[in-house]
Amino acid sequence: MQLTKFKHACFALSKNNQTIVVDPGVFSTDFIADNTTVAVVITHEHADHLDANHLQAIVDNNPDVIVIAHSTITSKLSQFKTTAVAAGDTLSVGDFSLAFYGGQHATIHPTIPIVANLGVMIDKKVYYPGDSFVAPQTTVEVLALPACAPWMKISEAIDFLTTIAPATAFPTHDALLSSDGKAIFNRLFTMFAEKLDIDYRADIKTLDL
């Protein structure tokens, strides 16, 4: 299985000529839809995780693709084939297994309504919490680590990384950082990862699993 990271919060997993795409949003300007995609997982409704143009391009290239998301999202995507999921659900699609965690987006500000958010574990290997720090309460081989967001501070990301203690981690949700900012954040993440022998991949493009 191969993981491909795109800008910001988007990544894809491919095996056996099948692909799952996670959170193709407006900041993921390097994402290009292929013709092997069997499913798209959307963790929550914010535009940096769900871009209609990306989604339409995926569907145009893969007419049978299934969009998997919370019901608050699938209810608005009647033009596509969808499957609604909630925290605690498991699902198989193509050759992939999925498990979902959490349920709510992290708080940005008390006056801003909280939307649904689902963390996803793929093939019992790769875990991504969406816009939250919800832990899956199981072993994580590869962690997609939120690096920077209006709803978090870096100490929370560091604590999440060290609590999960995956074999490998890479930064995601990082489009808000300048190149200088990324260097600072990655240096801190690397420092704490090394203490636990975590392989932190600061500049990941692809990863073979």
Protein backbone atom coordinates (compact mmCIF):
# COMPACT_ATOMS: atom_id res chain seq x y z
CA MET A 1 0.00 0.00 0.00
CA GLN A 2 1.27 3.48 -0.82
CA LEU A 3 0.33 6.75 0.84
CA THR A 4 0.51 9.98 -1.16
CA LYS A 5 0.29 13.30 0.65
CA PHE A 6 -1.15 16.37 -1.05
CA LYS A 7 -1.19 19.93 0.22
CA HIS A 8 -2.94 20.71 3.50
CA ALA A 9 -5.27 17.96 4.75
CA CYS A 10 -5.54 15.69 1.71
CA PHE A 11 -3.90 12.31 1.26
CA ALA A 12 -4.58 9.12 -0.68
CA LEU A 13 -3.94 5.43 -0.05
CA SER A 14 -3.53 3.03 -2.97
CA LYS A 15 -3.26 -0.74 -3.27
CA ASN A 16 -4.33 -3.38 -5.78
CA ASN A 17 -5.11 -0.63 -8.30
CA GLN A 18 -7.63 0.89 -5.90
CA THR A 19 -7.42 4.27 -4.16
CA ILE A 20 -9.09 5.99 -1.23
CA VAL A 21 -8.87 9.79 -1.11
CA VAL A 22 -9.24 11.64 2.18
CA ASP A 23 -10.29 15.30 2.52
CA PRO A 24 -9.63 16.86 -0.89
CA GLY A 25 -10.13 20.53 0.03
CA VAL A 26 -9.59 23.95 -1.50
CA PHE A 27 -5.99 24.24 -0.28
CA SER A 28 -5.02 20.91 -1.86
CA THR A 29 -4.17 22.55 -5.17
CA ASP A 30 -1.76 19.78 -6.17
CA PHE A 31 -4.44 17.08 -6.02
CA ILE A 32 -5.30 15.47 -9.36
CA ALA A 33 -8.08 12.91 -9.63
CA ASP A 34 -7.09 9.54 -11.08
CA ASN A 35 -9.28 6.70 -12.36
CA THR A 36 -8.67 4.16 -9.58
CA THR A 37 -10.57 5.84 -6.75
CA VAL A 38 -13.18 3.65 -5.05
CA ALA A 39 -14.04 6.00 -2.19
CA VAL A 40 -13.62 9.50 -0.84
CA VAL A 41 -13.63 10.04 2.91
CA ILE A 42 -14.65 13.49 4.13
CA THR A 43 -13.95 14.07 7.82
CA HIS A 44 -16.07 17.24 8.05
CA GLU A 45 -17.77 19.94 6.03
CA HIS A 46 -15.22 22.78 6.07
CA ALA A 47 -13.96 23.88 2.67
CA ASP A 48 -10.33 23.06 3.39
CA HIS A 49 -11.46 19.42 3.64
CA LEU A 50 -14.27 19.33 1.09
CA ASP A 51 -14.00 21.09 -2.24
CA ALA A 52 -16.85 20.59 -4.71
CA ASN A 53 -14.56 20.93 -7.72
CA HIS A 54 -12.20 18.20 -6.49
CA LEU A 55 -15.12 15.97 -5.62
CA GLN A 56 -16.71 16.42 -9.03
CA ALA A 57 -13.41 15.68 -10.78
CA ILE A 58 -13.07 12.46 -8.79
CA VAL A 59 -16.62 11.40 -9.69
CA ASP A 60 -16.11 12.31 -13.35
CA ASN A 61 -13.12 9.95 -13.48
CA ASN A 62 -14.71 7.31 -11.25
CA PRO A 63 -18.50 7.13 -11.77
CA ASP A 64 -18.96 4.41 -9.16
CA VAL A 65 -16.98 6.14 -6.42
CA ILE A 66 -18.62 6.34 -2.99
CA VAL A 67 -18.41 9.48 -0.85
CA ILE A 68 -18.21 8.48 2.82
CA ALA A 69 -18.99 11.09 5.46
CA HIS A 70 -21.22 12.05 8.35
CA SER A 71 -24.90 12.34 7.49
CA THR A 72 -24.75 16.14 7.81
CA ILE A 73 -22.53 16.04 4.72
CA THR A 74 -24.03 13.18 2.73
CA SER A 75 -27.48 14.77 3.03
CA LYS A 76 -26.16 17.69 0.98
CA LEU A 77 -24.52 15.52 -1.72
CA SER A 78 -27.55 13.88 -3.29
CA GLN A 79 -25.95 14.12 -6.75
CA PHE A 80 -23.29 11.59 -5.70
CA LYS A 81 -23.28 8.03 -4.40
CA THR A 82 -22.81 8.35 -0.65
CA THR A 83 -22.61 6.33 2.53
CA ALA A 84 -23.31 8.01 5.86
CA VAL A 85 -21.20 6.95 8.84
CA ALA A 86 -20.89 7.92 12.48
CA ALA A 87 -18.37 7.42 15.27
CA GLY A 88 -18.11 3.74 16.13
CA ASP A 89 -18.98 2.55 12.62
CA THR A 90 -16.82 0.22 10.55
CA LEU A 91 -17.02 -0.20 6.81
CA SER A 92 -15.36 -2.08 3.97
CA VAL A 93 -15.04 -0.49 0.56
CA GLY A 94 -13.10 -2.14 -2.21
CA ASP A 95 -10.07 -3.77 -0.58
CA PHE A 96 -9.99 -1.23 2.27
CA SER A 97 -11.35 -1.39 5.81
CA LEU A 98 -12.42 1.79 7.59
CA ALA A 99 -13.23 2.59 11.21
CA PHE A 100 -14.56 5.93 12.45
CA TYR A 101 -13.96 7.79 15.70
CA GLY A 102 -14.85 10.99 17.50
CA GLY A 103 -17.94 12.78 16.33
CA GLN A 104 -17.24 16.49 16.83
CA HIS A 105 -14.92 19.14 15.45
CA ALA A 106 -12.58 20.71 18.00
CA THR A 107 -13.71 24.06 19.42
CA ILE A 108 -12.50 27.07 17.45
CA HIS A 109 -14.27 29.58 19.72
CA PRO A 110 -17.23 29.17 22.08
CA THR A 111 -19.35 31.41 19.85
CA ILE A 112 -18.71 29.33 16.71
CA PRO A 113 -21.02 26.32 16.27
CA ILE A 114 -19.34 22.93 16.42
CA VAL A 115 -19.83 20.72 13.36
CA ALA A 116 -19.60 16.96 13.05
CA ASN A 117 -16.10 15.55 12.54
CA LEU A 118 -14.94 11.96 12.20
CA GLY A 119 -11.48 10.53 12.66
CA VAL A 120 -10.75 7.62 10.33
CA MET A 121 -8.55 4.54 10.63
CA ILE A 122 -7.74 2.87 7.31
CA ASP A 123 -6.72 -0.79 7.16
CA LYS A 124 -5.90 -0.69 10.88
CA LYS A 125 -2.72 1.17 9.95
CA VAL A 126 -3.25 4.82 9.03
CA TYR A 127 -5.12 7.14 11.39
CA TYR A 128 -6.25 10.69 10.75
CA PRO A 129 -8.36 12.53 13.35
CA GLY A 130 -9.72 15.22 11.05
CA ASP A 131 -10.04 18.52 12.91
CA SER A 132 -9.73 17.02 16.36
CA PHE A 133 -7.36 15.20 18.67
CA VAL A 134 -9.60 12.18 19.20
CA ALA A 135 -7.51 9.08 19.83
CA PRO A 136 -8.62 5.73 18.36
CA GLN A 137 -7.74 3.74 21.50
CA THR A 138 -5.81 1.22 19.42
CA THR A 139 -2.35 0.86 17.94
CA VAL A 140 -1.55 3.32 15.16
CA GLU A 141 1.16 2.49 12.64
CA VAL A 142 1.01 5.78 10.70
CA LEU A 143 -0.42 9.01 12.13
CA ALA A 144 -1.51 11.96 10.02
CA LEU A 145 -0.78 14.69 12.57
CA PRO A 146 -2.66 18.01 12.44
CA ALA A 147 0.13 20.59 12.55
CA CYS A 148 -1.58 23.99 12.61
CA ALA A 149 -5.18 25.19 12.85
CA PRO A 150 -7.39 27.87 14.43
CA TRP A 151 -8.68 25.21 16.85
CA MET A 152 -5.34 24.06 18.27
CA LYS A 153 -2.00 25.03 19.77
CA ILE A 154 1.23 23.20 19.12
CA SER A 155 1.47 21.76 22.62
CA GLU A 156 -1.77 19.88 21.94
CA ALA A 157 -0.36 18.44 18.72
CA ILE A 158 2.83 17.39 20.51
CA ASP A 159 0.83 15.72 23.29
CA PHE A 160 -1.32 13.94 20.70
CA LEU A 161 1.76 12.70 18.86
CA THR A 162 3.44 11.40 22.01
CA THR A 163 0.24 9.85 23.37
CA ILE A 164 -0.53 7.98 20.15
CA ALA A 165 3.18 7.08 19.75
CA PRO A 166 2.86 5.73 16.20
CA ALA A 167 5.72 4.05 14.36
CA THR A 168 5.57 6.81 11.73
CA ALA A 169 3.97 10.25 11.63
CA PHE A 170 3.68 13.02 9.08
CA PRO A 171 2.26 16.56 9.30
CA THR A 172 -1.05 17.45 7.77
CA HIS A 173 -3.40 20.44 7.99
CA ASP A 174 -0.36 22.67 7.45
CA ALA A 175 -1.34 25.07 4.64
CA LEU A 176 -1.72 27.89 7.16
CA LEU A 177 2.02 27.83 7.85
CA SER A 178 4.67 29.68 5.86
CA SER A 179 7.80 27.77 4.89
CA ASP A 180 9.58 29.33 7.89
CA GLY A 181 6.69 28.40 10.15
CA LYS A 182 6.70 24.81 8.91
CA ALA A 183 10.40 24.56 9.72
CA ILE A 184 9.77 25.65 13.30
CA PHE A 185 6.83 23.29 13.79
CA ASN A 186 8.61 20.36 12.18
CA ARG A 187 11.70 20.92 14.31
CA LEU A 188 9.56 20.72 17.44
CA PHE A 189 7.64 17.67 16.28
CA THR A 190 10.90 15.94 15.32
CA MET A 191 12.44 16.68 18.71
CA PHE A 192 9.58 15.02 20.58
CA ALA A 193 9.23 12.19 18.06
CA GLU A 194 12.87 11.22 18.46
CA LYS A 195 12.38 10.75 22.21
CA LEU A 196 9.90 7.94 21.45
CA ASP A 197 11.67 6.58 18.38
CA ILE A 198 8.86 7.80 16.12
CA ASP A 199 9.83 8.16 12.46
CA TYR A 200 8.59 11.70 11.79
CA ARG A 201 8.45 12.46 8.06
CA ALA A 202 8.43 16.25 7.82
CA ASP A 203 8.56 16.49 4.02
CA ILE A 204 6.67 13.39 3.01
CA LYS A 205 5.35 13.04 -0.53
CA THR A 206 4.86 9.28 -0.66
CA LEU A 207 5.21 6.49 1.87
CA ASP A 208 5.24 2.76 1.21
CA LEU A 209 3.41 0.72 3.86
